[in-house]
N, C-alpha and C. Protein backbone atom coordinates (compact mmCIF):
# COMPACT_ATOMS: atom_id res chain seq x y z
N MET A 1 0.79 -1.18 0.09
CA MET A 1 -0.03 0.02 -0.08
C MET A 1 0.92 1.35 0.01
N GLN A 2 0.55 2.12 -0.79
CA GLN A 2 1.41 3.65 -0.98
C GLN A 2 0.87 4.24 0.07
N ALA A 3 1.87 5.07 0.66
CA ALA A 3 1.77 6.18 1.55
C ALA A 3 1.05 7.11 1.05
N PRO A 4 0.16 7.97 1.94
CA PRO A 4 -0.63 9.08 1.30
C PRO A 4 0.43 10.21 1.11
N GLY A 5 0.34 10.79 0.12
CA GLY A 5 1.04 12.11 -0.23
C GLY A 5 0.84 13.30 0.73
N SER A 6 1.66 14.30 0.61
CA SER A 6 1.58 15.43 1.45
C SER A 6 0.46 16.16 1.28
N SER A 7 0.00 16.16 -0.14
CA SER A 7 -1.41 16.90 -0.41
C SER A 7 -2.45 16.48 0.06
N THR A 8 -2.46 15.03 0.33
CA THR A 8 -3.68 14.28 0.99
C THR A 8 -3.72 14.58 2.26
N LEU A 9 -2.41 14.47 2.85
CA LEU A 9 -2.32 14.75 4.46
C LEU A 9 -2.80 16.07 4.73
N THR A 10 -2.43 17.00 4.05
CA THR A 10 -2.97 18.54 3.93
C THR A 10 -4.28 18.61 3.89
N LEU A 11 -4.94 18.07 2.98
CA LEU A 11 -6.31 18.07 2.70
C LEU A 11 -6.99 17.42 3.95
N LEU A 12 -6.37 16.34 4.32
CA LEU A 12 -7.36 15.61 5.49
C LEU A 12 -7.18 16.49 6.75
N THR A 13 -5.87 17.12 7.06
CA THR A 13 -5.80 18.03 8.31
C THR A 13 -6.56 19.05 8.08
N LEU A 14 -6.82 19.74 6.99
CA LEU A 14 -7.46 21.06 6.90
C LEU A 14 -9.05 20.71 6.71
N SER A 15 -9.32 19.65 6.43
CA SER A 15 -10.82 19.17 6.31
C SER A 15 -11.85 19.71 7.44
N PRO A 16 -11.42 19.58 8.60
CA PRO A 16 -12.37 20.08 9.78
C PRO A 16 -12.54 21.74 9.82
N LEU A 17 -11.34 22.41 9.47
CA LEU A 17 -11.41 23.73 9.25
C LEU A 17 -12.33 24.15 8.10
N ILE A 18 -12.33 23.49 6.94
CA ILE A 18 -12.99 23.79 5.86
C ILE A 18 -14.44 23.56 6.18
N VAL A 19 -14.82 22.35 6.76
CA VAL A 19 -16.12 22.16 7.03
C VAL A 19 -16.57 23.05 7.91
N TRP A 20 -15.86 23.55 9.00
CA TRP A 20 -16.30 24.54 9.99
C TRP A 20 -16.60 25.92 9.34
N ARG A 21 -15.69 26.41 8.51
CA ARG A 21 -15.91 27.53 7.67
C ARG A 21 -17.19 27.59 6.66
N ILE A 22 -17.37 26.54 6.06
CA ILE A 22 -18.29 26.28 5.09
C ILE A 22 -19.65 26.42 5.90
N TYR A 23 -19.78 25.77 7.24
CA TYR A 23 -21.01 25.90 8.10
C TYR A 23 -21.30 27.50 8.46
N ALA A 24 -20.14 28.00 8.69
CA ALA A 24 -20.16 29.43 9.46
C ALA A 24 -20.74 30.35 8.16
N ARG A 25 -20.18 30.21 7.18
CA ARG A 25 -20.43 30.93 5.81
C ARG A 25 -21.95 30.68 5.28
N LEU A 26 -22.28 29.37 5.49
CA LEU A 26 -23.81 29.19 5.23
C LEU A 26 -24.75 29.64 6.28
N ARG A 27 -24.38 29.46 7.66
CA ARG A 27 -25.27 30.03 8.59
C ARG A 27 -25.50 31.50 8.41
N LYS A 28 -24.23 32.41 8.13
CA LYS A 28 -24.36 33.73 7.98
C LYS A 28 -25.41 34.16 6.81
N MET A 29 -25.97 33.35 6.04
CA MET A 29 -26.84 33.89 4.92
C MET A 29 -28.11 33.75 5.42
N PHE A 30 -28.32 33.17 6.47
CA PHE A 30 -29.99 33.25 6.76
C PHE A 30 -30.12 33.83 8.04
N GLY A 31 -31.14 34.74 8.03
CA GLY A 31 -31.83 35.55 9.15
C GLY A 31 -30.94 36.64 9.45
N ARG A 32 -31.44 37.32 10.47
CA ARG A 32 -30.93 38.66 10.87
C ARG A 32 -29.53 38.47 11.68
N GLN A 33 -28.84 39.32 11.26
CA GLN A 33 -27.16 39.28 11.79
C GLN A 33 -26.89 40.46 12.42
N ARG A 34 -26.14 40.30 13.48
CA ARG A 34 -25.46 41.45 14.15
C ARG A 34 -24.34 41.86 13.46
N LEU A 35 -24.31 42.93 13.02
CA LEU A 35 -22.82 43.42 12.44
C LEU A 35 -22.04 44.17 13.42
N SER A 36 -20.70 43.37 13.47
CA SER A 36 -19.84 43.78 14.49
C SER A 36 -18.77 44.84 13.59
N ARG A 37 -17.95 45.46 14.41
CA ARG A 37 -17.00 46.26 13.94
C ARG A 37 -15.79 45.49 13.26
N TYR A 38 -15.77 44.27 13.45
CA TYR A 38 -14.57 43.54 13.07
C TYR A 38 -14.89 42.43 11.67
N ARG A 39 -16.32 42.37 11.50
CA ARG A 39 -16.64 41.48 10.36
C ARG A 39 -16.31 41.82 8.94
N ALA A 40 -16.54 43.22 8.79
CA ALA A 40 -15.91 43.70 7.52
C ALA A 40 -14.41 43.63 7.25
N PRO A 41 -13.57 44.30 8.10
CA PRO A 41 -12.39 44.33 8.03
C PRO A 41 -11.72 42.95 7.97
N ILE A 42 -12.05 41.85 8.60
CA ILE A 42 -11.57 40.68 8.66
C ILE A 42 -12.11 40.10 7.07
N THR A 43 -13.13 40.14 6.82
CA THR A 43 -13.58 39.55 5.55
C THR A 43 -12.83 40.15 4.36
N LEU A 44 -12.60 41.46 4.45
CA LEU A 44 -11.55 42.13 3.37
C LEU A 44 -10.22 41.70 3.35
N ALA A 45 -9.73 41.27 4.55
CA ALA A 45 -8.38 41.05 4.74
C ALA A 45 -8.22 39.73 4.44
N VAL A 46 -9.31 38.65 4.54
CA VAL A 46 -9.13 37.28 4.26
C VAL A 46 -9.13 37.16 2.84
N TYR A 47 -10.32 37.56 2.22
CA TYR A 47 -10.58 37.46 0.84
C TYR A 47 -9.51 38.28 0.09
N SER A 48 -9.04 39.16 0.44
CA SER A 48 -7.88 39.90 -0.22
C SER A 48 -6.66 38.98 -0.35
N LEU A 49 -6.28 38.55 0.73
CA LEU A 49 -5.01 37.59 0.72
C LEU A 49 -5.29 36.33 -0.06
N LEU A 50 -6.42 35.78 0.06
CA LEU A 50 -6.68 34.56 -0.54
C LEU A 50 -6.91 34.76 -1.99
N SER A 51 -7.19 35.98 -2.54
CA SER A 51 -7.34 36.41 -3.92
C SER A 51 -5.65 36.56 -4.46
N ILE A 52 -4.95 37.00 -3.65
CA ILE A 52 -3.51 37.43 -3.88
C ILE A 52 -3.06 35.98 -4.18
N TRP A 53 -3.15 34.97 -3.22
CA TRP A 53 -2.55 33.72 -3.31
C TRP A 53 -3.39 32.95 -4.59
N VAL A 54 -4.60 33.11 -5.02
CA VAL A 54 -5.14 32.39 -6.20
C VAL A 54 -4.50 33.00 -7.45
N ALA A 55 -4.43 34.43 -7.47
CA ALA A 55 -3.84 34.91 -8.59
C ALA A 55 -2.35 34.67 -8.81
N HIS A 56 -1.52 34.28 -7.58
CA HIS A 56 -0.23 33.87 -7.68
C HIS A 56 -0.07 32.36 -8.48
N ALA A 57 -1.24 31.62 -7.66
CA ALA A 57 -1.17 30.23 -8.37
C ALA A 57 -1.77 30.18 -9.49
N ALA A 58 -2.41 31.02 -10.08
CA ALA A 58 -3.08 31.06 -11.31
C ALA A 58 -1.99 31.73 -12.62
N LEU A 59 -0.98 32.35 -12.02
CA LEU A 59 0.02 32.88 -13.16
C LEU A 59 0.68 31.76 -13.93
N ALA A 60 0.54 30.47 -13.44
CA ALA A 60 1.35 29.37 -13.98
C ALA A 60 0.37 29.02 -15.39
N HIS A 61 -0.68 29.45 -15.32
CA HIS A 61 -1.67 29.36 -16.57
C HIS A 61 -2.07 30.55 -17.28
N PRO A 62 -1.57 30.89 -18.56
CA PRO A 62 -1.84 31.94 -19.22
C PRO A 62 -3.32 32.27 -19.33
N GLY A 63 -3.84 33.70 -19.03
CA GLY A 63 -5.06 34.07 -19.18
C GLY A 63 -5.97 33.58 -17.90
N ARG A 64 -5.50 32.81 -16.85
CA ARG A 64 -6.32 32.59 -15.76
C ARG A 64 -6.44 33.96 -14.87
N VAL A 65 -5.43 34.62 -14.56
CA VAL A 65 -5.56 35.85 -13.89
C VAL A 65 -6.55 36.72 -14.43
N GLY A 66 -6.61 37.06 -15.70
CA GLY A 66 -7.67 37.63 -16.44
C GLY A 66 -9.00 37.22 -15.97
N TRP A 67 -9.21 35.79 -16.05
CA TRP A 67 -10.71 35.13 -15.68
C TRP A 67 -10.71 35.57 -14.19
N LEU A 68 -9.77 35.64 -13.25
CA LEU A 68 -9.90 35.81 -12.12
C LEU A 68 -10.42 37.20 -11.77
N ILE A 69 -9.75 38.27 -12.46
CA ILE A 69 -10.10 39.48 -12.26
C ILE A 69 -11.42 39.99 -12.90
N GLY A 70 -11.79 39.37 -13.89
CA GLY A 70 -13.22 39.45 -14.56
C GLY A 70 -14.15 38.97 -13.47
N SER A 71 -13.95 37.71 -12.98
CA SER A 71 -14.95 37.11 -11.99
C SER A 71 -14.95 37.93 -10.64
N LEU A 72 -13.99 38.44 -10.21
CA LEU A 72 -14.04 39.36 -8.91
C LEU A 72 -14.77 40.72 -9.44
N LEU A 73 -14.79 40.96 -10.55
CA LEU A 73 -15.46 42.16 -10.95
C LEU A 73 -16.92 41.81 -11.12
N ALA A 74 -17.33 40.71 -11.67
CA ALA A 74 -18.67 40.27 -11.57
C ALA A 74 -19.34 39.96 -10.50
N GLY A 75 -18.40 39.46 -9.65
CA GLY A 75 -19.03 39.05 -8.19
C GLY A 75 -19.22 40.51 -7.41
N ALA A 76 -18.36 41.45 -7.61
CA ALA A 76 -18.53 42.77 -6.82
C ALA A 76 -20.06 43.47 -7.44
N VAL A 77 -20.16 43.08 -8.80
CA VAL A 77 -21.40 43.60 -9.10
C VAL A 77 -22.66 42.99 -8.68
N LEU A 78 -22.52 41.74 -8.72
CA LEU A 78 -23.62 40.86 -7.87
C LEU A 78 -23.70 41.15 -6.37
N SER A 79 -22.67 41.81 -5.76
CA SER A 79 -22.80 42.07 -4.36
C SER A 79 -23.67 43.50 -4.14
N LEU A 80 -23.44 44.44 -5.43
CA LEU A 80 -24.58 45.62 -5.61
C LEU A 80 -25.89 45.11 -5.24
N LEU A 81 -26.27 44.14 -5.81
CA LEU A 81 -27.55 43.43 -6.23
C LEU A 81 -27.90 42.92 -4.66
N GLY A 82 -26.91 42.27 -4.26
CA GLY A 82 -27.13 41.58 -2.88
C GLY A 82 -27.41 42.40 -1.88
N VAL A 83 -26.75 43.91 -1.96
CA VAL A 83 -26.76 44.76 -1.05
C VAL A 83 -28.30 45.49 -1.13
N ARG A 84 -28.62 45.60 -2.28
CA ARG A 84 -29.94 46.03 -2.47
C ARG A 84 -31.10 45.51 -2.00
N HIS A 85 -30.90 44.23 -1.91
CA HIS A 85 -31.77 43.40 -1.33
C HIS A 85 -31.63 42.86 0.14
N THR A 86 -30.76 43.55 0.64
CA THR A 86 -30.54 43.52 2.25
C THR A 86 -31.28 44.37 2.95
N GLN A 87 -31.88 44.04 4.13
CA GLN A 87 -32.55 44.84 5.05
C GLN A 87 -31.55 45.20 6.13
N PHE A 88 -31.26 46.40 6.35
CA PHE A 88 -30.50 47.08 7.37
C PHE A 88 -31.55 47.70 8.48
N GLU A 89 -30.94 47.44 9.66
CA GLU A 89 -31.47 48.07 10.87
C GLU A 89 -30.55 48.40 11.80
N ALA A 90 -30.66 49.83 12.34
CA ALA A 90 -29.81 50.47 13.46
C ALA A 90 -30.96 50.56 14.52
N ARG A 91 -30.67 49.73 15.52
CA ARG A 91 -31.42 49.75 16.76
C ARG A 91 -30.87 50.55 17.90
N ARG A 92 -31.42 51.37 18.56
CA ARG A 92 -31.02 52.22 19.44
C ARG A 92 -30.91 51.28 20.72
N GLY A 93 -29.84 51.13 21.35
CA GLY A 93 -29.49 50.53 22.58
C GLY A 93 -29.27 49.00 22.12
N GLU A 94 -29.50 48.43 21.02
CA GLU A 94 -29.38 47.16 20.69
C GLU A 94 -28.14 46.74 19.70
N GLY A 95 -27.93 47.68 18.82
CA GLY A 95 -26.63 47.71 17.97
C GLY A 95 -27.21 47.72 16.39
N LEU A 96 -26.39 47.64 15.51
CA LEU A 96 -26.60 47.38 13.88
C LEU A 96 -26.88 45.81 13.47
N PHE A 97 -27.99 45.62 12.64
CA PHE A 97 -28.25 44.38 12.06
C PHE A 97 -28.43 44.64 10.88
N TYR A 98 -28.39 43.55 9.96
CA TYR A 98 -28.43 43.32 8.81
C TYR A 98 -29.27 41.96 8.31
N THR A 99 -30.21 41.77 7.44
CA THR A 99 -30.78 40.66 6.94
C THR A 99 -30.21 40.33 5.34
N PRO A 100 -29.24 39.45 5.25
CA PRO A 100 -28.85 39.38 3.83
C PRO A 100 -29.67 38.70 2.81
N ASN A 101 -29.60 38.95 1.75
CA ASN A 101 -30.51 38.15 0.60
C ASN A 101 -29.84 36.71 0.73
N ALA A 102 -30.64 35.76 1.16
CA ALA A 102 -30.29 34.51 1.31
C ALA A 102 -29.96 33.94 -0.46
N HIS A 103 -30.61 34.18 -1.23
CA HIS A 103 -30.81 33.30 -2.32
C HIS A 103 -29.43 33.59 -3.07
N LEU A 104 -29.02 34.75 -3.31
CA LEU A 104 -27.66 35.19 -4.02
C LEU A 104 -26.57 34.44 -3.20
N GLY A 105 -26.50 34.79 -2.10
CA GLY A 105 -25.17 34.55 -1.45
C GLY A 105 -25.01 32.98 -1.36
N PHE A 106 -26.21 32.26 -1.15
CA PHE A 106 -26.16 30.72 -1.21
C PHE A 106 -25.97 30.06 -2.45
N ALA A 107 -26.57 30.66 -3.52
CA ALA A 107 -26.19 30.33 -4.94
C ALA A 107 -24.71 30.45 -5.14
N LEU A 108 -24.09 31.43 -4.82
CA LEU A 108 -22.72 31.66 -5.09
C LEU A 108 -21.87 30.62 -4.36
N SER A 109 -22.12 30.52 -3.07
CA SER A 109 -21.54 29.53 -2.18
C SER A 109 -21.59 27.99 -2.67
N ALA A 110 -22.84 27.86 -2.97
CA ALA A 110 -23.04 26.36 -3.59
C ALA A 110 -22.32 26.16 -4.89
N LEU A 111 -22.20 27.23 -5.78
CA LEU A 111 -21.51 27.20 -7.02
C LEU A 111 -20.15 26.94 -6.66
N PHE A 112 -19.45 27.66 -5.93
CA PHE A 112 -18.04 27.34 -5.57
C PHE A 112 -17.72 26.07 -4.82
N LEU A 113 -18.61 25.71 -3.94
CA LEU A 113 -18.41 24.37 -3.07
C LEU A 113 -18.62 23.29 -4.02
N ALA A 114 -19.72 23.19 -5.03
CA ALA A 114 -19.68 22.32 -6.18
C ALA A 114 -18.55 21.98 -6.94
N ARG A 115 -17.83 23.19 -7.41
CA ARG A 115 -16.85 23.26 -8.24
C ARG A 115 -15.49 22.63 -7.54
N ILE A 116 -15.32 22.98 -6.18
CA ILE A 116 -14.52 22.72 -5.32
C ILE A 116 -14.56 21.13 -5.40
N ALA A 117 -15.72 20.56 -4.84
CA ALA A 117 -16.09 19.22 -4.65
C ALA A 117 -15.63 18.53 -5.90
N TRP A 118 -16.14 18.79 -7.14
CA TRP A 118 -15.53 18.26 -8.39
C TRP A 118 -14.14 18.37 -8.35
N ARG A 119 -13.64 19.40 -8.32
CA ARG A 119 -12.02 19.41 -8.53
C ARG A 119 -11.41 18.57 -7.80
N VAL A 120 -11.86 18.34 -6.21
CA VAL A 120 -11.15 17.55 -5.43
C VAL A 120 -11.25 16.01 -5.90
N ALA A 121 -12.64 15.74 -6.41
CA ALA A 121 -12.68 14.33 -6.85
C ALA A 121 -11.93 14.16 -8.09
N GLU A 122 -11.78 15.03 -8.94
CA GLU A 122 -11.02 14.80 -10.31
C GLU A 122 -9.60 14.62 -9.89
N VAL A 123 -9.11 15.52 -8.94
CA VAL A 123 -7.56 15.42 -8.50
C VAL A 123 -7.28 13.98 -7.86
N TYR A 124 -8.16 13.77 -6.62
CA TYR A 124 -7.87 12.88 -5.81
C TYR A 124 -8.64 11.41 -6.16
N TRP A 125 -9.41 11.18 -6.91
CA TRP A 125 -10.14 10.03 -7.08
C TRP A 125 -10.06 9.49 -8.71
N LEU A 126 -10.08 10.37 -9.59
CA LEU A 126 -10.15 10.14 -11.03
C LEU A 126 -8.58 10.08 -11.54
N ALA A 127 -7.36 10.91 -10.96
CA ALA A 127 -6.36 10.55 -11.49
C ALA A 127 -5.47 10.78 -10.25
N PRO A 128 -5.25 9.77 -9.39
CA PRO A 128 -4.65 10.07 -8.01
C PRO A 128 -3.09 9.68 -8.15
N VAL A 129 -2.65 9.14 -9.43
CA VAL A 129 -1.25 8.95 -9.36
C VAL A 129 -0.50 10.06 -9.84
N VAL A 130 -1.08 10.98 -10.62
CA VAL A 130 -0.62 12.15 -11.11
C VAL A 130 -0.12 13.07 -9.82
N SER A 131 0.87 13.59 -9.83
CA SER A 131 1.24 14.75 -8.59
C SER A 131 0.49 16.07 -9.09
N ARG A 132 0.06 16.63 -7.95
CA ARG A 132 -0.94 17.86 -8.27
C ARG A 132 0.06 19.03 -7.29
N SER A 133 -0.25 20.13 -7.93
CA SER A 133 0.18 21.26 -7.28
C SER A 133 -0.85 22.30 -7.10
N THR A 134 -0.64 23.40 -6.19
CA THR A 134 -1.66 24.52 -6.12
C THR A 134 -1.90 25.29 -7.34
N ALA A 135 -0.68 25.40 -8.05
CA ALA A 135 -0.82 26.13 -9.53
C ALA A 135 -1.73 25.19 -10.66
N GLU A 136 -1.68 24.00 -10.37
CA GLU A 136 -2.47 23.08 -11.21
C GLU A 136 -3.95 23.19 -10.80
N PHE A 137 -4.16 22.94 -9.34
CA PHE A 137 -5.38 23.30 -8.80
C PHE A 137 -6.25 24.35 -9.47
N MET A 138 -5.48 25.47 -9.78
CA MET A 138 -6.08 26.82 -10.16
C MET A 138 -5.83 26.97 -11.58
N GLY A 139 -5.53 25.60 -12.28
CA GLY A 139 -5.38 25.45 -13.70
C GLY A 139 -6.67 25.56 -14.45
N SER A 140 -7.68 25.46 -13.84
CA SER A 140 -9.01 25.29 -14.23
C SER A 140 -9.74 26.59 -14.36
N ALA A 141 -10.04 27.05 -15.50
CA ALA A 141 -10.71 28.58 -15.50
C ALA A 141 -12.07 28.46 -14.68
N THR A 142 -12.70 27.38 -14.74
CA THR A 142 -14.04 27.15 -13.90
C THR A 142 -13.66 27.27 -12.46
N THR A 143 -12.45 26.77 -11.92
CA THR A 143 -12.39 26.84 -10.57
C THR A 143 -12.16 28.53 -10.12
N VAL A 144 -11.29 28.88 -11.26
CA VAL A 144 -10.98 30.47 -10.88
C VAL A 144 -11.98 31.37 -10.68
N CYS A 145 -13.08 31.07 -11.78
CA CYS A 145 -14.02 31.81 -11.86
C CYS A 145 -15.22 31.56 -10.85
N ALA A 146 -15.53 30.38 -10.32
CA ALA A 146 -16.15 30.14 -9.22
C ALA A 146 -15.68 30.85 -7.86
N TYR A 147 -14.32 30.72 -7.75
CA TYR A 147 -14.01 31.29 -6.46
C TYR A 147 -13.87 32.86 -6.65
N GLY A 148 -13.61 33.55 -7.87
CA GLY A 148 -13.63 35.01 -8.27
C GLY A 148 -14.97 35.41 -7.85
N LEU A 149 -16.14 34.76 -8.40
CA LEU A 149 -17.42 35.22 -8.04
C LEU A 149 -17.84 35.44 -6.60
N LEU A 150 -17.30 34.33 -5.94
CA LEU A 150 -17.62 34.46 -4.45
C LEU A 150 -16.76 35.23 -3.54
N ALA A 151 -15.55 35.37 -4.01
CA ALA A 151 -14.65 36.39 -3.47
C ALA A 151 -15.07 37.88 -3.67
N GLY A 152 -15.43 38.05 -5.08
CA GLY A 152 -15.99 39.29 -5.40
C GLY A 152 -17.19 39.93 -4.64
N TYR A 153 -18.13 39.00 -4.69
CA TYR A 153 -19.27 39.15 -3.93
C TYR A 153 -18.99 39.40 -2.41
N SER A 154 -18.18 38.70 -1.85
CA SER A 154 -17.80 38.93 -0.28
C SER A 154 -17.17 40.01 0.00
N LEU A 155 -16.33 40.51 -0.88
CA LEU A 155 -15.55 41.73 -0.85
C LEU A 155 -16.18 42.98 -1.05
N GLY A 156 -17.21 42.75 -2.04
CA GLY A 156 -18.02 44.09 -2.35
C GLY A 156 -19.01 44.16 -1.17
N TYR A 157 -19.59 43.06 -0.68
CA TYR A 157 -20.58 43.13 0.41
C TYR A 157 -20.01 43.46 1.60
N ALA A 158 -18.75 43.13 1.93
CA ALA A 158 -18.03 43.65 3.08
C ALA A 158 -17.68 45.34 3.05
N VAL A 159 -17.34 45.81 1.85
CA VAL A 159 -17.34 47.24 1.77
C VAL A 159 -18.65 47.92 2.08
N ALA A 160 -19.62 47.23 1.48
CA ALA A 160 -20.91 47.97 1.58
C ALA A 160 -21.43 48.07 3.08
N LEU A 161 -21.05 46.79 3.93
CA LEU A 161 -21.49 46.85 5.27
C LEU A 161 -20.71 47.61 6.11
N ALA A 162 -19.39 47.93 5.71
CA ALA A 162 -18.12 48.69 6.45
C ALA A 162 -18.95 50.23 5.99
N ARG A 163 -19.22 50.50 4.82
CA ARG A 163 -19.70 51.97 4.64
C ARG A 163 -21.13 52.24 5.31
N TRP A 164 -21.93 51.27 5.36
CA TRP A 164 -23.18 51.52 6.09
C TRP A 164 -23.00 51.75 7.44
N ARG A 165 -22.26 51.00 8.08
CA ARG A 165 -21.79 51.00 9.41
C ARG A 165 -21.18 52.26 9.83
N ALA A 166 -20.27 52.93 8.92
CA ALA A 166 -19.70 54.16 9.17
C ALA A 166 -20.68 55.29 8.96
N ALA A 167 -21.66 55.34 8.01
CA ALA A 167 -22.63 56.08 7.78
C ALA A 167 -23.57 56.26 9.07
N VAL A 168 -23.84 55.06 9.61
CA VAL A 168 -24.77 55.00 10.75
C VAL A 168 -24.17 55.80 11.97
N LEU A 169 -22.81 55.33 12.09
CA LEU A 169 -22.15 55.75 13.34
C LEU A 169 -21.89 57.53 13.15
N ARG A 170 -21.61 57.75 11.78
CA ARG A 170 -21.46 59.26 11.71
C ARG A 170 -22.78 60.01 11.94
N ALA A 171 -23.89 59.40 11.65
CA ALA A 171 -25.12 60.02 11.68
C ALA A 171 -25.44 60.12 13.33
N LYS A 172 -25.07 59.33 13.86
CA LYS A 172 -25.25 59.21 15.36
C LYS A 172 -24.40 60.24 16.17
N ARG A 173 -23.24 60.43 15.69
CA ARG A 173 -22.28 61.43 16.30
C ARG A 173 -22.98 62.76 15.81
N ASP A 174 -23.31 63.04 14.70
CA ASP A 174 -24.11 64.37 14.14
C ASP A 174 -25.07 64.68 15.19
N ARG A 175 -26.21 63.74 15.44
CA ARG A 175 -27.39 63.89 16.24
C ARG A 175 -26.75 64.21 17.68
N GLU A 176 -25.82 63.54 18.36
CA GLU A 176 -25.11 63.68 19.47
C GLU A 176 -24.77 65.18 19.72
N ARG A 177 -23.93 65.59 18.59
CA ARG A 177 -23.52 66.89 18.48
C ARG A 177 -24.32 67.98 18.66
N ASP A 178 -25.40 67.85 17.46
CA ASP A 178 -26.40 68.62 17.52
C ASP A 178 -27.21 68.73 19.00
N GLY A 179 -27.33 67.77 19.48
CA GLY A 179 -28.22 67.66 21.03
C GLY A 179 -27.36 68.20 21.80
N ALA A 180 -26.20 68.29 21.81
CA ALA A 180 -25.47 69.07 22.82
C ALA A 180 -25.29 70.35 22.62
N ASP A 181 -25.34 70.95 21.27
CA ASP A 181 -25.35 72.23 20.77
C ASP A 181 -26.69 72.93 21.31
N GLY A 182 -27.63 72.06 21.09
CA GLY A 182 -29.09 72.70 21.38
C GLY A 182 -29.28 72.77 22.91
N ALA A 183 -28.40 72.00 23.69
CA ALA A 183 -28.77 71.99 25.28
C ALA A 183 -27.93 73.05 25.61
N GLY A 184 -27.02 73.57 25.24
CA GLY A 184 -26.22 74.42 25.92
C GLY A 184 -26.86 75.78 25.61
């Protein structure tokens, strides 16, 4: 029996983390969510770093970076639609809340997860004797595009959440300042 390769061991090691993040991601798409001050910056940082890593891996295949950029832009445009269908609430004494459009976020996540599942099956079960690298994993335009759509959507949505939060806090400061000016 052949010993498992390092990429197989890496996949097995990361599987619990991947499953947990998928669960957390899907859970965030349904129902009312409290907006924390950290959610948007963390999302921006993580997806930006992942996108740089994916772009670097895609450099090995001519044209894939272009597909990545195009799909990131398409995902950002879709995030505008998602934000338009999001319900925002600023509750005094409770905090800031939003209810995302479940259909669009779920569809993009399902597309990406289905593509990754197919790619993993392709790499590990259909041709297991061929050595694989990250660059080869990103060699498929479909994989790059599926990631780009989800990342672009998430980045655009995070920017919109950060802007909305800043606008609400600015309005609150203005009301407090105007109230203090009127009281004196």
